[in-house]
């Protein structure tokens, strides 16, 4: 999904649960504004890694 479509989906609440979790974590880390303005590619490797690490911990174990 491109940046504009994903931002619109976020604003309208039409995201998959995994994408919703990603946005919630970005908000918790205080980088949601950066994501909404520049997309996910605007994040540094450190920021992306933190989001991925938190998502891995929150993911239910099978």
Protein backbone atom coordinates (compact mmCIF):
# COMPACT_ATOMS: atom_id res chain seq x y z
CA UNK A 1 0.00 0.00 0.00
CA UNK A 2 1.44 3.41 -0.86
CA UNK A 3 1.86 6.10 1.77
CA UNK A 4 -1.18 8.21 0.85
CA UNK A 5 -3.56 5.24 0.70
CA UNK A 6 -2.26 3.87 4.00
CA UNK A 7 -2.61 7.24 5.74
CA UNK A 8 -6.19 7.53 4.46
CA UNK A 9 -6.90 3.97 5.65
CA UNK A 10 -5.47 4.89 9.07
CA UNK A 11 -7.59 8.01 9.34
CA UNK A 12 -10.75 6.16 8.30
CA UNK A 13 -10.00 3.13 10.51
CA UNK A 14 -9.73 0.62 7.64
CA UNK A 15 -6.47 -1.09 8.60
CA UNK A 16 -5.67 -4.72 9.25
CA UNK A 17 -5.06 -5.56 12.92
CA UNK A 18 -1.31 -5.84 12.28
CA UNK A 19 -1.16 -2.42 10.59
CA UNK A 20 -3.26 -0.93 13.39
CA UNK A 21 -0.78 -2.29 15.94
CA UNK A 22 2.08 -0.69 14.00
CA UNK A 23 0.41 2.72 14.15
CA UNK A 24 -0.40 2.32 17.87
CA UNK A 25 3.24 1.53 18.62
CA UNK A 26 4.40 4.50 16.54
CA UNK A 27 2.08 6.69 18.58
CA UNK A 28 3.42 5.26 21.86
CA UNK A 29 6.98 6.01 20.70
CA UNK A 30 6.03 9.55 19.69
CA UNK A 31 6.85 9.10 15.99
CA UNK A 32 3.33 8.87 14.56
CA UNK A 33 3.47 12.41 13.13
CA UNK A 34 6.70 11.55 11.34
CA UNK A 35 5.09 8.43 9.85
CA UNK A 36 1.97 10.30 8.73
CA UNK A 37 4.04 13.04 7.05
CA UNK A 38 6.80 10.99 5.42
CA UNK A 39 5.59 7.42 5.47
CA UNK A 40 7.32 4.43 7.01
CA UNK A 41 10.44 4.92 4.87
CA UNK A 42 11.13 8.23 6.66
CA UNK A 43 11.99 6.36 9.87
CA UNK A 44 15.52 5.51 10.88
CA UNK A 45 16.67 1.91 11.22
CA UNK A 46 16.64 2.31 15.00
CA UNK A 47 13.02 3.49 15.03
CA UNK A 48 11.94 0.74 12.65
CA UNK A 49 13.71 -1.86 14.76
CA UNK A 50 12.01 -0.67 17.92
CA UNK A 51 8.60 -0.97 16.28
CA UNK A 52 9.43 -4.46 15.00
CA UNK A 53 10.71 -5.57 18.38
CA UNK A 54 7.63 -4.36 20.21
CA UNK A 55 5.37 -6.00 17.60
CA UNK A 56 7.21 -9.30 18.05
CA UNK A 57 6.65 -9.15 21.81
CA UNK A 58 2.96 -8.32 21.42
CA UNK A 59 2.33 -11.01 18.82
CA UNK A 60 0.47 -13.92 20.40
CA UNK A 61 2.51 -17.09 20.67
CA UNK A 62 1.19 -20.17 18.93
